[in-house]
């Protein structure tokens, strides 16, 4: 029991070091052109359990059915509450910033036009996953490390319709949408 706690502490410490190094690196540009064709969403399901709402962005941006990839994060695993969204937990933390979850591995293996970091609390696991995703534009919330996101909103996390309208507005300003 004590050995497990020490091991977890060292995993966190090695992951913090990995994250710090990743955030200092300059972003590697993706090979994707302008326009929105693929969106990734990392959702804190402890604070926003309605992750399925991100599928509404398909209509807003006229995307293909598989163009939006959503992964959720929960601090602890709840076996009694099944989710339709794949998720990862704190128990998936590995050494040197790795997240040992097959859904996460699949999620980070793709390139995206936009990464939506739908969380407003500084959580190590969420920041680690965000740092691993290859995306041209990163969108998130004020209050999270500003090295993670390119565009940050100060809307309420629970007000998804406001977030949606602000996202569309700013993507038009950035000439990502017509």
Foldseek 3Di string as FASTA:
>chain_A
DVVVVVQLVQLVVLQVVLLVVLLPDDADADPDDFAFAAEEEEAACVQPVPQVCVQVVCVVRVYDNHRYAYEYEYQDDDPVDDDPHHYAHSVQRDHNLDGNDVSLVVRQVDEGAEYEYLDQEADSNSSSSLSSHHYNAYEYAPNYPPSSHPHHDPDDSHPVVVVVVVVVVVCVVVVRGD
